[in-house]
Amino acid sequence: MIYKTDGEIELLIERFENCTVSEKEWTHAAHLTAALWYCLREPDLETATGKMRDGIFKLNAAHNVPNTPTRGYHETLTVFWMRTVSDFLGNIKDRGSIASLANEVIETCGDSGLPLKFYSRELLFSPAARAKYIEPDLAK
């Protein structure tokens, strides 16, 4: 269990949005937690994904992380994880606290290698997949 209180998640999101979360703290679990936050708070997946995308671009700029064909923001991965978290929420019967949901999404979807079940490594890590969303080339 990573989160004990909803306040911990609120603080993470506040720090993400004001670009004070450190690179070390911006883990896969933190990404999933932010995705969960936006999926719960926004009216649709497209809006939630836009908030996540904008936040990552801002955070990268604050950390001087360049967005290049090989580094920085990755559109296909962002869309993949937002859809994964949205699907997770669609399958949840008991929506307890956001902390319990975050812990569950991290436990359920925490394998950072999950996209490679749907994408070949070559496609997923291509400059094209980084720049714009590309449909999976393996399983769907």
N, C-alpha and C. Protein backbone atom coordinates (compact mmCIF):
# COMPACT_ATOMS: atom_id res chain seq x y z
N MET A 1 0.84 -1.18 0.00
CA MET A 1 0.00 0.00 0.00
C MET A 1 0.88 1.24 0.00
N ILE A 2 0.68 2.11 -0.96
CA ILE A 2 1.46 3.33 -1.07
C ILE A 2 0.78 4.49 -0.35
N TYR A 3 -0.53 4.61 -0.52
CA TYR A 3 -1.25 5.75 0.03
C TYR A 3 -2.11 5.33 1.22
N LYS A 4 -2.06 6.14 2.27
CA LYS A 4 -2.88 5.90 3.44
C LYS A 4 -4.08 6.84 3.47
N THR A 5 -3.93 8.05 2.89
CA THR A 5 -5.00 9.03 2.95
C THR A 5 -5.23 9.69 1.59
N ASP A 6 -6.42 10.20 1.41
CA ASP A 6 -6.73 10.96 0.21
C ASP A 6 -5.88 12.22 0.14
N GLY A 7 -5.55 12.77 1.30
CA GLY A 7 -4.73 13.98 1.36
C GLY A 7 -3.37 13.80 0.71
N GLU A 8 -2.80 12.60 0.82
CA GLU A 8 -1.52 12.33 0.17
C GLU A 8 -1.65 12.46 -1.35
N ILE A 9 -2.77 12.01 -1.88
CA ILE A 9 -2.99 12.10 -3.32
C ILE A 9 -3.25 13.54 -3.73
N GLU A 10 -4.05 14.26 -2.94
CA GLU A 10 -4.30 15.67 -3.22
C GLU A 10 -2.99 16.45 -3.26
N LEU A 11 -2.09 16.14 -2.34
CA LEU A 11 -0.79 16.81 -2.31
C LEU A 11 0.04 16.46 -3.55
N LEU A 12 0.04 15.20 -3.94
CA LEU A 12 0.75 14.80 -5.15
C LEU A 12 0.24 15.58 -6.36
N ILE A 13 -1.08 15.66 -6.50
CA ILE A 13 -1.66 16.35 -7.65
C ILE A 13 -1.35 17.84 -7.59
N GLU A 14 -1.43 18.43 -6.44
CA GLU A 14 -1.07 19.85 -6.29
C GLU A 14 0.38 20.08 -6.71
N ARG A 15 1.26 19.21 -6.27
CA ARG A 15 2.68 19.34 -6.60
C ARG A 15 2.93 19.06 -8.07
N PHE A 16 2.19 18.12 -8.66
CA PHE A 16 2.29 17.85 -10.09
C PHE A 16 1.85 19.09 -10.87
N GLU A 17 0.71 19.64 -10.49
CA GLU A 17 0.16 20.77 -11.23
C GLU A 17 0.99 22.05 -11.07
N ASN A 18 1.65 22.21 -9.93
CA ASN A 18 2.50 23.40 -9.80
C ASN A 18 3.98 23.09 -10.04
N CYS A 19 4.22 21.91 -10.58
CA CYS A 19 5.56 21.49 -11.05
C CYS A 19 6.61 21.47 -9.95
N THR A 20 6.20 21.09 -8.74
CA THR A 20 7.16 20.97 -7.65
C THR A 20 7.42 19.51 -7.27
N VAL A 21 6.75 18.57 -7.94
CA VAL A 21 7.06 17.17 -7.69
C VAL A 21 8.42 16.89 -8.36
N SER A 22 9.28 16.22 -7.63
CA SER A 22 10.63 15.97 -8.16
C SER A 22 10.61 14.87 -9.20
N GLU A 23 11.66 14.83 -10.02
CA GLU A 23 11.77 13.76 -11.02
C GLU A 23 11.79 12.39 -10.33
N LYS A 24 12.45 12.32 -9.18
CA LYS A 24 12.54 11.06 -8.44
C LYS A 24 11.16 10.61 -7.94
N GLU A 25 10.32 11.56 -7.56
CA GLU A 25 8.99 11.25 -7.06
C GLU A 25 7.99 10.95 -8.18
N TRP A 26 8.32 11.38 -9.41
CA TRP A 26 7.39 11.22 -10.53
C TRP A 26 7.56 9.82 -11.11
N THR A 27 7.15 8.84 -10.32
CA THR A 27 7.30 7.42 -10.64
C THR A 27 6.12 6.93 -11.49
N HIS A 28 6.20 5.68 -11.90
CA HIS A 28 5.07 5.07 -12.61
C HIS A 28 3.83 5.09 -11.72
N ALA A 29 3.98 4.80 -10.44
CA ALA A 29 2.85 4.84 -9.51
C ALA A 29 2.26 6.24 -9.43
N ALA A 30 3.10 7.25 -9.43
CA ALA A 30 2.61 8.64 -9.39
C ALA A 30 1.87 8.97 -10.68
N HIS A 31 2.39 8.52 -11.81
CA HIS A 31 1.69 8.71 -13.09
C HIS A 31 0.30 8.08 -13.04
N LEU A 32 0.22 6.83 -12.57
CA LEU A 32 -1.07 6.15 -12.49
C LEU A 32 -2.02 6.86 -11.54
N THR A 33 -1.49 7.37 -10.46
CA THR A 33 -2.32 8.09 -9.49
C THR A 33 -2.87 9.37 -10.10
N ALA A 34 -2.04 10.10 -10.82
CA ALA A 34 -2.52 11.31 -11.49
C ALA A 34 -3.56 10.95 -12.56
N ALA A 35 -3.32 9.88 -13.30
CA ALA A 35 -4.28 9.43 -14.30
C ALA A 35 -5.62 9.12 -13.63
N LEU A 36 -5.58 8.43 -12.52
CA LEU A 36 -6.79 8.11 -11.77
C LEU A 36 -7.50 9.39 -11.34
N TRP A 37 -6.77 10.33 -10.80
CA TRP A 37 -7.32 11.61 -10.34
C TRP A 37 -8.09 12.29 -11.47
N TYR A 38 -7.45 12.40 -12.63
CA TYR A 38 -8.09 13.10 -13.74
C TYR A 38 -9.26 12.31 -14.31
N CYS A 39 -9.15 10.99 -14.34
CA CYS A 39 -10.27 10.17 -14.83
C CYS A 39 -11.49 10.31 -13.90
N LEU A 40 -11.25 10.47 -12.62
CA LEU A 40 -12.34 10.63 -11.66
C LEU A 40 -12.92 12.04 -11.68
N ARG A 41 -12.10 13.03 -11.96
CA ARG A 41 -12.51 14.43 -11.81
C ARG A 41 -13.02 15.10 -13.09
N GLU A 42 -12.64 14.56 -14.23
CA GLU A 42 -13.00 15.20 -15.49
C GLU A 42 -14.21 14.52 -16.12
N PRO A 43 -14.95 15.24 -16.96
CA PRO A 43 -16.20 14.70 -17.50
C PRO A 43 -16.04 13.57 -18.51
N ASP A 44 -14.87 13.48 -19.14
CA ASP A 44 -14.67 12.42 -20.12
C ASP A 44 -13.18 12.12 -20.24
N LEU A 45 -12.89 11.01 -20.88
CA LEU A 45 -11.50 10.55 -21.00
C LEU A 45 -10.66 11.52 -21.81
N GLU A 46 -11.22 12.12 -22.83
CA GLU A 46 -10.46 13.05 -23.66
C GLU A 46 -10.00 14.26 -22.84
N THR A 47 -10.88 14.80 -22.02
CA THR A 47 -10.53 15.94 -21.16
C THR A 47 -9.49 15.52 -20.13
N ALA A 48 -9.69 14.36 -19.52
CA ALA A 48 -8.74 13.85 -18.53
C ALA A 48 -7.36 13.66 -19.16
N THR A 49 -7.33 13.10 -20.36
CA THR A 49 -6.06 12.88 -21.05
C THR A 49 -5.40 14.22 -21.38
N GLY A 50 -6.18 15.19 -21.78
CA GLY A 50 -5.63 16.52 -22.05
C GLY A 50 -5.00 17.14 -20.82
N LYS A 51 -5.64 17.00 -19.67
CA LYS A 51 -5.08 17.52 -18.41
C LYS A 51 -3.75 16.83 -18.09
N MET A 52 -3.73 15.52 -18.27
CA MET A 52 -2.52 14.75 -17.99
C MET A 52 -1.41 15.17 -18.95
N ARG A 53 -1.72 15.25 -20.22
CA ARG A 53 -0.75 15.65 -21.24
C ARG A 53 -0.17 17.03 -20.91
N ASP A 54 -1.05 17.99 -20.66
CA ASP A 54 -0.59 19.35 -20.35
C ASP A 54 0.29 19.37 -19.12
N GLY A 55 -0.10 18.60 -18.10
CA GLY A 55 0.68 18.54 -16.87
C GLY A 55 2.07 17.96 -17.08
N ILE A 56 2.16 16.91 -17.89
CA ILE A 56 3.46 16.30 -18.16
C ILE A 56 4.35 17.25 -18.95
N PHE A 57 3.77 17.93 -19.93
CA PHE A 57 4.56 18.91 -20.68
C PHE A 57 5.10 20.00 -19.75
N LYS A 58 4.25 20.51 -18.86
CA LYS A 58 4.67 21.56 -17.92
C LYS A 58 5.76 21.04 -16.98
N LEU A 59 5.55 19.83 -16.47
CA LEU A 59 6.52 19.25 -15.54
C LEU A 59 7.86 19.02 -16.24
N ASN A 60 7.82 18.50 -17.45
CA ASN A 60 9.05 18.30 -18.20
C ASN A 60 9.79 19.62 -18.39
N ALA A 61 9.06 20.67 -18.73
CA ALA A 61 9.68 21.99 -18.92
C ALA A 61 10.30 22.48 -17.61
N ALA A 62 9.60 22.28 -16.50
CA ALA A 62 10.12 22.71 -15.20
C ALA A 62 11.38 21.95 -14.80
N HIS A 63 11.51 20.73 -15.27
CA HIS A 63 12.68 19.89 -14.96
C HIS A 63 13.73 19.93 -16.07
N ASN A 64 13.51 20.79 -17.04
CA ASN A 64 14.44 20.89 -18.18
C ASN A 64 14.61 19.57 -18.91
N VAL A 65 13.52 18.83 -19.02
CA VAL A 65 13.52 17.58 -19.78
C VAL A 65 13.03 17.92 -21.18
N PRO A 66 13.89 17.79 -22.17
CA PRO A 66 13.46 18.13 -23.53
C PRO A 66 12.50 17.08 -24.09
N ASN A 67 11.57 17.55 -24.89
CA ASN A 67 10.68 16.64 -25.59
C ASN A 67 11.23 16.45 -26.99
N THR A 68 11.87 15.30 -27.19
CA THR A 68 12.55 15.00 -28.44
C THR A 68 12.01 13.68 -28.99
N PRO A 69 12.43 13.26 -30.15
CA PRO A 69 11.99 11.96 -30.68
C PRO A 69 12.39 10.76 -29.82
N THR A 70 13.30 10.96 -28.85
CA THR A 70 13.75 9.84 -28.02
C THR A 70 13.62 10.09 -26.51
N ARG A 71 13.11 11.25 -26.13
CA ARG A 71 13.08 11.59 -24.70
C ARG A 71 11.91 12.52 -24.41
N GLY A 72 11.44 12.48 -23.17
CA GLY A 72 10.38 13.39 -22.76
C GLY A 72 9.00 12.79 -22.95
N TYR A 73 8.06 13.65 -23.28
CA TYR A 73 6.66 13.24 -23.39
C TYR A 73 6.47 12.16 -24.45
N HIS A 74 5.56 11.21 -24.14
CA HIS A 74 5.28 10.09 -25.05
C HIS A 74 3.76 9.97 -25.18
N GLU A 75 3.21 10.40 -26.31
CA GLU A 75 1.76 10.42 -26.51
C GLU A 75 1.13 9.04 -26.45
N THR A 76 1.70 8.05 -27.12
CA THR A 76 1.10 6.73 -27.14
C THR A 76 1.04 6.13 -25.73
N LEU A 77 2.11 6.27 -24.97
CA LEU A 77 2.09 5.75 -23.60
C LEU A 77 1.09 6.51 -22.73
N THR A 78 1.00 7.81 -22.89
CA THR A 78 0.04 8.58 -22.09
C THR A 78 -1.38 8.12 -22.39
N VAL A 79 -1.73 8.01 -23.65
CA VAL A 79 -3.08 7.57 -24.02
C VAL A 79 -3.31 6.13 -23.54
N PHE A 80 -2.32 5.27 -23.73
CA PHE A 80 -2.45 3.88 -23.28
C PHE A 80 -2.78 3.82 -21.80
N TRP A 81 -2.01 4.53 -20.97
CA TRP A 81 -2.22 4.46 -19.52
C TRP A 81 -3.51 5.15 -19.10
N MET A 82 -3.88 6.22 -19.75
CA MET A 82 -5.17 6.87 -19.42
C MET A 82 -6.32 5.92 -19.74
N ARG A 83 -6.26 5.24 -20.87
CA ARG A 83 -7.31 4.27 -21.23
C ARG A 83 -7.31 3.09 -20.26
N THR A 84 -6.14 2.66 -19.86
CA THR A 84 -6.03 1.54 -18.92
C THR A 84 -6.66 1.90 -17.58
N VAL A 85 -6.37 3.09 -17.09
CA VAL A 85 -6.95 3.53 -15.81
C VAL A 85 -8.46 3.73 -15.95
N SER A 86 -8.89 4.29 -17.05
CA SER A 86 -10.32 4.47 -17.29
C SER A 86 -11.04 3.11 -17.33
N ASP A 87 -10.45 2.14 -18.01
CA ASP A 87 -11.02 0.79 -18.06
C ASP A 87 -11.06 0.17 -16.67
N PHE A 88 -9.99 0.38 -15.89
CA PHE A 88 -9.95 -0.10 -14.51
C PHE A 88 -11.15 0.45 -13.74
N LEU A 89 -11.38 1.76 -13.85
CA LEU A 89 -12.49 2.38 -13.14
C LEU A 89 -13.84 1.83 -13.60
N GLY A 90 -13.94 1.53 -14.88
CA GLY A 90 -15.18 0.98 -15.40
C GLY A 90 -15.49 -0.41 -14.88
N ASN A 91 -14.47 -1.10 -14.37
CA ASN A 91 -14.66 -2.45 -13.85
C ASN A 91 -14.72 -2.52 -12.33
N ILE A 92 -14.63 -1.38 -11.67
CA ILE A 92 -14.64 -1.33 -10.20
C ILE A 92 -16.08 -1.26 -9.71
N LYS A 93 -16.43 -2.13 -8.78
CA LYS A 93 -17.78 -2.12 -8.22
C LYS A 93 -17.85 -1.20 -7.00
N ASP A 94 -16.84 -1.25 -6.15
CA ASP A 94 -16.82 -0.45 -4.93
C ASP A 94 -15.80 0.67 -5.08
N ARG A 95 -16.27 1.88 -5.22
CA ARG A 95 -15.37 3.03 -5.37
C ARG A 95 -15.15 3.68 -4.02
N GLY A 96 -14.36 3.07 -3.19
CA GLY A 96 -14.06 3.62 -1.88
C GLY A 96 -13.30 4.93 -1.99
N SER A 97 -12.43 5.18 -1.07
CA SER A 97 -11.65 6.42 -1.07
C SER A 97 -10.71 6.45 -2.28
N ILE A 98 -10.28 7.64 -2.63
CA ILE A 98 -9.34 7.75 -3.75
C ILE A 98 -8.02 7.08 -3.40
N ALA A 99 -7.65 7.10 -2.12
CA ALA A 99 -6.42 6.42 -1.71
C ALA A 99 -6.54 4.92 -1.95
N SER A 100 -7.67 4.33 -1.59
CA SER A 100 -7.83 2.89 -1.81
C SER A 100 -7.89 2.58 -3.30
N LEU A 101 -8.54 3.44 -4.09
CA LEU A 101 -8.57 3.24 -5.54
C LEU A 101 -7.16 3.35 -6.13
N ALA A 102 -6.40 4.34 -5.66
CA ALA A 102 -5.03 4.51 -6.17
C ALA A 102 -4.19 3.29 -5.86
N ASN A 103 -4.29 2.80 -4.65
CA ASN A 103 -3.53 1.60 -4.28
C ASN A 103 -3.94 0.41 -5.13
N GLU A 104 -5.24 0.31 -5.41
CA GLU A 104 -5.72 -0.80 -6.23
C GLU A 104 -5.28 -0.67 -7.69
N VAL A 105 -5.34 0.55 -8.23
CA VAL A 105 -4.91 0.73 -9.63
C VAL A 105 -3.41 0.46 -9.77
N ILE A 106 -2.64 0.84 -8.76
CA ILE A 106 -1.20 0.59 -8.79
C ILE A 106 -0.93 -0.91 -8.72
N GLU A 107 -1.68 -1.60 -7.86
CA GLU A 107 -1.51 -3.05 -7.75
C GLU A 107 -1.95 -3.76 -9.03
N THR A 108 -3.05 -3.32 -9.60
CA THR A 108 -3.62 -3.97 -10.78
C THR A 108 -2.88 -3.61 -12.06
N CYS A 109 -2.48 -2.36 -12.19
CA CYS A 109 -1.91 -1.85 -13.45
C CYS A 109 -0.47 -1.38 -13.29
N GLY A 110 0.16 -1.75 -12.23
CA GLY A 110 1.47 -1.22 -11.90
C GLY A 110 2.63 -1.78 -12.69
N ASP A 111 2.39 -2.77 -13.51
CA ASP A 111 3.46 -3.35 -14.33
C ASP A 111 3.78 -2.39 -15.47
N SER A 112 4.89 -1.70 -15.39
CA SER A 112 5.23 -0.72 -16.44
C SER A 112 5.50 -1.39 -17.78
N GLY A 113 5.64 -2.70 -17.79
CA GLY A 113 5.83 -3.43 -19.03
C GLY A 113 4.52 -3.82 -19.73
N LEU A 114 3.40 -3.48 -19.12
CA LEU A 114 2.10 -3.85 -19.69
C LEU A 114 1.91 -3.40 -21.14
N PRO A 115 2.33 -2.21 -21.53
CA PRO A 115 2.13 -1.81 -22.94
C PRO A 115 2.78 -2.77 -23.94
N LEU A 116 3.85 -3.46 -23.52
CA LEU A 116 4.54 -4.36 -24.43
C LEU A 116 3.75 -5.65 -24.71
N LYS A 117 2.63 -5.83 -24.03
CA LYS A 117 1.72 -6.92 -24.37
C LYS A 117 0.86 -6.54 -25.57
N PHE A 118 0.82 -5.25 -25.86
CA PHE A 118 -0.02 -4.73 -26.93
C PHE A 118 0.77 -4.12 -28.08
N TYR A 119 2.00 -3.72 -27.77
CA TYR A 119 2.86 -3.05 -28.76
C TYR A 119 4.20 -3.77 -28.87
N SER A 120 4.69 -3.86 -30.07
CA SER A 120 6.07 -4.32 -30.23
C SER A 120 6.97 -3.22 -29.68
N ARG A 121 8.11 -3.61 -29.18
CA ARG A 121 9.08 -2.65 -28.65
C ARG A 121 9.46 -1.63 -29.72
N GLU A 122 9.66 -2.12 -30.94
CA GLU A 122 10.06 -1.24 -32.04
C GLU A 122 9.03 -0.13 -32.28
N LEU A 123 7.75 -0.50 -32.31
CA LEU A 123 6.71 0.50 -32.54
C LEU A 123 6.56 1.42 -31.34
N LEU A 124 6.48 0.85 -30.14
CA LEU A 124 6.22 1.65 -28.94
C LEU A 124 7.29 2.71 -28.71
N PHE A 125 8.53 2.36 -28.97
CA PHE A 125 9.60 3.31 -28.70
C PHE A 125 10.07 4.06 -29.94
N SER A 126 9.23 4.06 -30.95
CA SER A 126 9.54 4.81 -32.16
C SER A 126 9.24 6.29 -31.96
N PRO A 127 9.93 7.15 -32.69
CA PRO A 127 9.62 8.59 -32.64
C PRO A 127 8.16 8.87 -33.00
N ALA A 128 7.60 8.11 -33.93
CA ALA A 128 6.21 8.32 -34.33
C ALA A 128 5.25 8.08 -33.17
N ALA A 129 5.47 7.01 -32.39
CA ALA A 129 4.60 6.70 -31.25
C ALA A 129 4.77 7.70 -30.12
N ARG A 130 5.94 8.28 -30.02
CA ARG A 130 6.18 9.31 -29.02
C ARG A 130 5.44 10.59 -29.39
N ALA A 131 5.40 10.90 -30.67
CA ALA A 131 4.83 12.17 -31.14
C ALA A 131 3.31 12.16 -31.21
N LYS A 132 2.72 11.01 -31.59
CA LYS A 132 1.25 10.94 -31.70
C LYS A 132 0.79 9.55 -31.33
N TYR A 133 -0.49 9.44 -30.98
CA TYR A 133 -1.02 8.15 -30.57
C TYR A 133 -1.05 7.21 -31.76
N ILE A 134 -0.58 5.99 -31.52
CA ILE A 134 -0.61 4.92 -32.54
C ILE A 134 -1.29 3.71 -31.92
N GLU A 135 -2.18 3.11 -32.68
CA GLU A 135 -2.89 1.91 -32.22
C GLU A 135 -1.89 0.76 -32.01
N PRO A 136 -2.22 -0.17 -31.11
CA PRO A 136 -1.35 -1.32 -30.86
C PRO A 136 -1.15 -2.17 -32.12
N ASP A 137 0.02 -2.77 -32.22
CA ASP A 137 0.30 -3.65 -33.35
C ASP A 137 0.29 -5.13 -32.95
N LEU A 138 0.07 -5.42 -31.69
CA LEU A 138 -0.01 -6.81 -31.22
C LEU A 138 -1.44 -7.09 -30.81
N ALA A 139 -1.68 -7.34 -29.54
CA ALA A 139 -3.03 -7.63 -29.05
C ALA A 139 -3.80 -6.32 -28.86
N LYS A 140 -5.11 -6.43 -28.89
CA LYS A 140 -5.96 -5.26 -28.62
C LYS A 140 -6.92 -5.54 -27.50
